[in-house]
Amino acid sequence: MDRGEFLSILRESMEGLIPMDEVEKNIQFYRSYFDESGQADREVIEELGDPRLIARTIIDAYKASKGPMADYYTEQARSEYSREHSGQYGDFANQKGGGGSGRRFAWLEKAIGWFVVLFVAIVFFVVAVAVVGVFVGYVLPVILLIVLIKILADYFRR
């Protein structure tokens, strides 16, 4: 393994699990470590160890630093990674249905979203009309009858 392969494995092991700026910061750190060590790449790699283990340590440390928000940042990193790598297979994958980013169905996702919003609005409207109907049909006559009896009782008391 050489420096390039080490850094490549390190990068691939972190991408999609922590934000890209954190990945770049760590890659830059290890690139600088190689440059400043004064040793052959092979010796530095033996000293550092497995890049996957280093990546796992970086990821765990990052998540620990975020505390309860770690899942949010991990999901954000996955989303960022998928956006950046969505076109890596070219248009062929998107046209033929073999992999790709799935962005060709973005319109469908929006349509489903609007359908759900419309459905919830209709259900809310129907429930509101039913509540008003029950109020007007049953509760309001009872209230009016009670008010009328009260008015008549006050009138005949005088």
C-alpha atoms as a PDB file:
ATOM      1  CA  MET A   1       0.000   0.000   0.000  1.00  0.00           C
ATOM      2  CA  ASP A   2       1.282   3.481  -0.788  1.00  0.00           C
ATOM      3  CA  ARG A   3       0.313   6.946   0.450  1.00  0.00           C
ATOM      4  CA  GLY A   4      -2.359   7.448  -2.223  1.00  0.00           C
ATOM      5  CA  GLU A   5      -4.041   4.136  -1.501  1.00  0.00           C
ATOM      6  CA  PHE A   6      -3.882   4.781   2.257  1.00  0.00           C
ATOM      7  CA  LEU A   7      -5.539   8.190   1.882  1.00  0.00           C
ATOM      8  CA  SER A   8      -8.077   6.793  -0.585  1.00  0.00           C
ATOM      9  CA  ILE A   9      -9.120   4.003   1.795  1.00  0.00           C
ATOM     10  CA  LEU A  10      -9.245   6.479   4.665  1.00  0.00           C
ATOM     11  CA  ARG A  11     -11.473   8.824   2.640  1.00  0.00           C
ATOM     12  CA  GLU A  12     -13.802   6.059   1.438  1.00  0.00           C
ATOM     13  CA  SER A  13     -14.145   4.733   4.976  1.00  0.00           C
ATOM     14  CA  MET A  14     -15.300   8.117   6.291  1.00  0.00           C
ATOM     15  CA  GLU A  15     -17.434   9.406   3.404  1.00  0.00           C
ATOM     16  CA  GLY A  16     -21.138   9.326   4.074  1.00  0.00           C
ATOM     17  CA  LEU A  17     -20.630   8.871   7.806  1.00  0.00           C
ATOM     18  CA  ILE A  18     -19.332  12.314   8.779  1.00  0.00           C
ATOM     19  CA  PRO A  19     -19.679  15.642   6.934  1.00  0.00           C
ATOM     20  CA  MET A  20     -17.418  16.157   3.925  1.00  0.00           C
ATOM     21  CA  ASP A  21     -15.631  19.112   5.528  1.00  0.00           C
ATOM     22  CA  GLU A  22     -14.612  16.816   8.399  1.00  0.00           C
ATOM     23  CA  VAL A  23     -13.457  14.174   5.906  1.00  0.00           C
ATOM     24  CA  GLU A  24     -11.371  16.757   4.055  1.00  0.00           C
ATOM     25  CA  LYS A  25      -9.920  18.133   7.281  1.00  0.00           C
ATOM     26  CA  ASN A  26      -8.794  14.646   8.346  1.00  0.00           C
ATOM     27  CA  ILE A  27      -7.417  13.751   4.907  1.00  0.00           C
ATOM     28  CA  GLN A  28      -5.436  16.987   4.931  1.00  0.00           C
ATOM     29  CA  PHE A  29      -4.100  16.164   8.397  1.00  0.00           C
ATOM     30  CA  TYR A  30      -2.835  12.745   7.308  1.00  0.00           C
ATOM     31  CA  ARG A  31      -1.488  14.116   4.034  1.00  0.00           C
ATOM     32  CA  SER A  32       0.500  16.662   6.062  1.00  0.00           C
ATOM     33  CA  TYR A  33       1.591  13.909   8.437  1.00  0.00           C
ATOM     34  CA  PHE A  34       3.080  11.980   5.508  1.00  0.00           C
ATOM     35  CA  ASP A  35       4.779  15.135   4.162  1.00  0.00           C
ATOM     36  CA  GLU A  36       6.274  16.158   7.497  1.00  0.00           C
ATOM     37  CA  SER A  37       7.312  12.724   8.776  1.00  0.00           C
ATOM     38  CA  GLY A  38      10.601  12.546   6.868  1.00  0.00           C
ATOM     39  CA  GLN A  39      10.102   8.769   6.581  1.00  0.00           C
ATOM     40  CA  ALA A  40       9.249   6.581   3.636  1.00  0.00           C
ATOM     41  CA  ASP A  41       5.531   6.157   2.988  1.00  0.00           C
ATOM     42  CA  ARG A  42       5.741   2.467   3.851  1.00  0.00           C
ATOM     43  CA  GLU A  43       7.204   3.247   7.296  1.00  0.00           C
ATOM     44  CA  VAL A  44       4.569   5.881   8.005  1.00  0.00           C
ATOM     45  CA  ILE A  45       1.797   3.463   7.011  1.00  0.00           C
ATOM     46  CA  GLU A  46       3.245   0.776   9.303  1.00  0.00           C
ATOM     47  CA  GLU A  47       3.367   3.344  12.100  1.00  0.00           C
ATOM     48  CA  LEU A  48      -0.216   4.526  11.542  1.00  0.00           C
ATOM     49  CA  GLY A  49      -1.830   1.156  10.970  1.00  0.00           C
ATOM     50  CA  ASP A  50      -5.011   0.258   9.143  1.00  0.00           C
ATOM     51  CA  PRO A  51      -6.725   3.306   7.557  1.00  0.00           C
ATOM     52  CA  ARG A  52     -10.140   1.706   8.167  1.00  0.00           C
ATOM     53  CA  LEU A  53      -9.441   1.547  11.883  1.00  0.00           C
ATOM     54  CA  ILE A  54      -8.275   5.164  11.849  1.00  0.00           C
ATOM     55  CA  ALA A  55     -11.470   6.120  10.005  1.00  0.00           C
ATOM     56  CA  ARG A  56     -13.605   4.243  12.548  1.00  0.00           C
ATOM     57  CA  THR A  57     -11.838   6.091  15.375  1.00  0.00           C
ATOM     58  CA  ILE A  58     -12.382   9.453  13.651  1.00  0.00           C
ATOM     59  CA  ILE A  59     -16.068   8.669  13.057  1.00  0.00           C
ATOM     60  CA  ASP A  60     -16.606   7.536  16.657  1.00  0.00           C
ATOM     61  CA  ALA A  61     -14.819  10.609  18.016  1.00  0.00           C
ATOM     62  CA  TYR A  62     -16.887  12.880  15.768  1.00  0.00           C
ATOM     63  CA  LYS A  63     -20.149  11.267  16.884  1.00  0.00           C
ATOM     64  CA  ALA A  64     -19.109  11.454  20.537  1.00  0.00           C
ATOM     65  CA  SER A  65     -18.373  15.163  20.130  1.00  0.00           C
ATOM     66  CA  LYS A  66     -21.899  15.758  18.807  1.00  0.00           C
ATOM     67  CA  GLY A  67     -23.618  13.949  21.675  1.00  0.00           C
ATOM     68  CA  PRO A  68     -27.380  13.536  21.213  1.00  0.00           C
ATOM     69  CA  MET A  69     -27.202  15.283  17.828  1.00  0.00           C
ATOM     70  CA  ALA A  70     -24.853  12.627  16.376  1.00  0.00           C
ATOM     71  CA  ASP A  71     -27.630  10.880  14.416  1.00  0.00           C
ATOM     72  CA  TYR A  72     -28.696  14.179  12.870  1.00  0.00           C
ATOM     73  CA  TYR A  73     -25.164  14.938  11.684  1.00  0.00           C
ATOM     74  CA  THR A  74     -24.680  11.372  10.429  1.00  0.00           C
ATOM     75  CA  GLU A  75     -27.878  11.600   8.376  1.00  0.00           C
ATOM     76  CA  GLN A  76     -26.801  14.999   7.068  1.00  0.00           C
ATOM     77  CA  ALA A  77     -23.436  13.497   6.033  1.00  0.00           C
ATOM     78  CA  ARG A  78     -25.189  10.626   4.214  1.00  0.00           C
ATOM     79  CA  SER A  79     -27.405  13.073   2.385  1.00  0.00           C
ATOM     80  CA  GLU A  80     -24.432  15.262   1.466  1.00  0.00           C
ATOM     81  CA  TYR A  81     -22.484  12.211   0.272  1.00  0.00           C
ATOM     82  CA  SER A  82     -25.350  10.920  -1.856  1.00  0.00           C
ATOM     83  CA  ARG A  83     -25.838  14.360  -3.460  1.00  0.00           C
ATOM     84  CA  GLU A  84     -22.145  14.585  -4.337  1.00  0.00           C
ATOM     85  CA  HIS A  85     -21.938  11.052  -5.706  1.00  0.00           C
ATOM     86  CA  SER A  86     -25.346  10.828  -7.361  1.00  0.00           C
ATOM     87  CA  GLY A  87     -24.056  11.302 -10.922  1.00  0.00           C
ATOM     88  CA  GLN A  88     -20.942   9.158 -10.695  1.00  0.00           C
ATOM     89  CA  TYR A  89     -22.358   6.455 -12.978  1.00  0.00           C
ATOM     90  CA  GLY A  90     -23.364   8.886 -15.670  1.00  0.00           C
ATOM     91  CA  ASP A  91     -26.690   9.257 -17.407  1.00  0.00           C
ATOM     92  CA  PHE A  92     -26.733   5.651 -18.597  1.00  0.00           C
ATOM     93  CA  ALA A  93     -27.579   4.358 -15.139  1.00  0.00           C
ATOM     94  CA  ASN A  94     -30.392   6.870 -14.766  1.00  0.00           C
ATOM     95  CA  GLN A  95     -31.854   6.162 -18.192  1.00  0.00           C
ATOM     96  CA  LYS A  96     -31.713   2.387 -18.015  1.00  0.00           C
ATOM     97  CA  GLY A  97     -32.823   2.073 -14.402  1.00  0.00           C
ATOM     98  CA  GLY A  98     -29.595   0.466 -13.226  1.00  0.00           C
ATOM     99  CA  GLY A  99     -28.541   2.344 -10.096  1.00  0.00           C
ATOM    100  CA  GLY A 100     -28.056   6.077 -10.246  1.00  0.00           C
ATOM    101  CA  SER A 101     -29.359   8.596  -7.817  1.00  0.00           C
ATOM    102  CA  GLY A 102     -33.099   8.084  -8.108  1.00  0.00           C
ATOM    103  CA  ARG A 103     -33.554  11.774  -8.919  1.00  0.00           C
ATOM    104  CA  ARG A 104     -35.617  10.843 -11.955  1.00  0.00           C
ATOM    105  CA  PHE A 105     -38.487  10.190  -9.549  1.00  0.00           C
ATOM    106  CA  ALA A 106     -38.181  13.529  -7.763  1.00  0.00           C
ATOM    107  CA  TRP A 107     -41.377  14.726  -9.452  1.00  0.00           C
ATOM    108  CA  LEU A 108     -43.166  11.644  -8.118  1.00  0.00           C
ATOM    109  CA  GLU A 109     -41.936  12.334  -4.599  1.00  0.00           C
ATOM    110  CA  LYS A 110     -43.232  15.908  -4.871  1.00  0.00           C
ATOM    111  CA  ALA A 111     -46.569  14.708  -6.277  1.00  0.00           C
ATOM    112  CA  ILE A 112     -46.966  12.223  -3.438  1.00  0.00           C
ATOM    113  CA  GLY A 113     -46.067  14.959  -0.964  1.00  0.00           C
ATOM    114  CA  TRP A 114     -48.728  17.267  -2.407  1.00  0.00           C
ATOM    115  CA  PHE A 115     -51.236  14.413  -2.466  1.00  0.00           C
ATOM    116  CA  VAL A 116     -50.626  13.775   1.237  1.00  0.00           C
ATOM    117  CA  VAL A 117     -51.016  17.481   2.022  1.00  0.00           C
ATOM    118  CA  LEU A 118     -54.222  17.636  -0.008  1.00  0.00           C
ATOM    119  CA  PHE A 119     -55.550  14.469   1.631  1.00  0.00           C
ATOM    120  CA  VAL A 120     -54.858  15.815   5.131  1.00  0.00           C
ATOM    121  CA  ALA A 121     -56.518  19.125   4.226  1.00  0.00           C
ATOM    122  CA  ILE A 122     -59.628  17.333   2.929  1.00  0.00           C
ATOM    123  CA  VAL A 123     -59.840  15.134   6.023  1.00  0.00           C
ATOM    124  CA  PHE A 124     -59.457  18.215   8.230  1.00  0.00           C
ATOM    125  CA  PHE A 125     -62.203  20.006   6.265  1.00  0.00           C
ATOM    126  CA  VAL A 126     -64.579  17.023   6.504  1.00  0.00           C
ATOM    127  CA  VAL A 127     -63.985  16.701  10.250  1.00  0.00           C
ATOM    128  CA  ALA A 128     -64.506  20.453  10.707  1.00  0.00           C
ATOM    129  CA  VAL A 129     -67.766  20.339   8.750  1.00  0.00           C
ATOM    130  CA  ALA A 130     -68.921  17.343  10.786  1.00  0.00           C
ATOM    131  CA  VAL A 131     -68.127  19.106  14.066  1.00  0.00           C
ATOM    132  CA  VAL A 132     -69.939  22.256  12.916  1.00  0.00           C
ATOM    133  CA  GLY A 133     -72.852  20.119  11.704  1.00  0.00           C
ATOM    134  CA  VAL A 134     -73.135  18.363  15.051  1.00  0.00           C
ATOM    135  CA  PHE A 135     -72.921  21.701  16.826  1.00  0.00           C
ATOM    136  CA  VAL A 136     -75.557  23.342  14.625  1.00  0.00           C
ATOM    137  CA  GLY A 137     -77.774  20.268  14.448  1.00  0.00           C
ATOM    138  CA  TYR A 138     -77.779  19.168  18.086  1.00  0.00           C
ATOM    139  CA  VAL A 139     -75.973  21.492  20.460  1.00  0.00           C
ATOM    140  CA  LEU A 140     -77.177  24.858  19.134  1.00  0.00           C
ATOM    141  CA  PRO A 141     -80.920  23.984  19.352  1.00  0.00           C
ATOM    142  CA  VAL A 142     -80.443  22.779  22.921  1.00  0.00           C
ATOM    143  CA  ILE A 143     -78.592  25.981  23.829  1.00  0.00           C
ATOM    144  CA  LEU A 144     -81.276  28.111  22.131  1.00  0.00           C
ATOM    145  CA  LEU A 145     -84.010  26.183  23.938  1.00  0.00           C
ATOM    146  CA  ILE A 146     -82.296  26.750  27.300  1.00  0.00           C
ATOM    147  CA  VAL A 147     -81.847  30.456  26.560  1.00  0.00           C
ATOM    148  CA  LEU A 148     -85.521  30.743  25.490  1.00  0.00           C
ATOM    149  CA  ILE A 149     -86.679  28.995  28.688  1.00  0.00           C
ATOM    150  CA  LYS A 150     -84.480  31.314  30.766  1.00  0.00           C
ATOM    151  CA  ILE A 151     -85.907  34.392  29.029  1.00  0.00           C
ATOM    152  CA  LEU A 152     -89.502  33.160  29.515  1.00  0.00           C
ATOM    153  CA  ALA A 153     -88.824  32.284  33.170  1.00  0.00           C
ATOM    154  CA  ASP A 154     -87.419  35.772  33.806  1.00  0.00           C
ATOM    155  CA  TYR A 155     -90.395  37.355  32.000  1.00  0.00           C
ATOM    156  CA  PHE A 156     -93.024  35.482  34.063  1.00  0.00           C
ATOM    157  CA  ARG A 157     -91.235  36.113  37.365  1.00  0.00           C
ATOM    158  CA  ARG A 158     -91.822  39.829  37.062  1.00  0.00           C
END
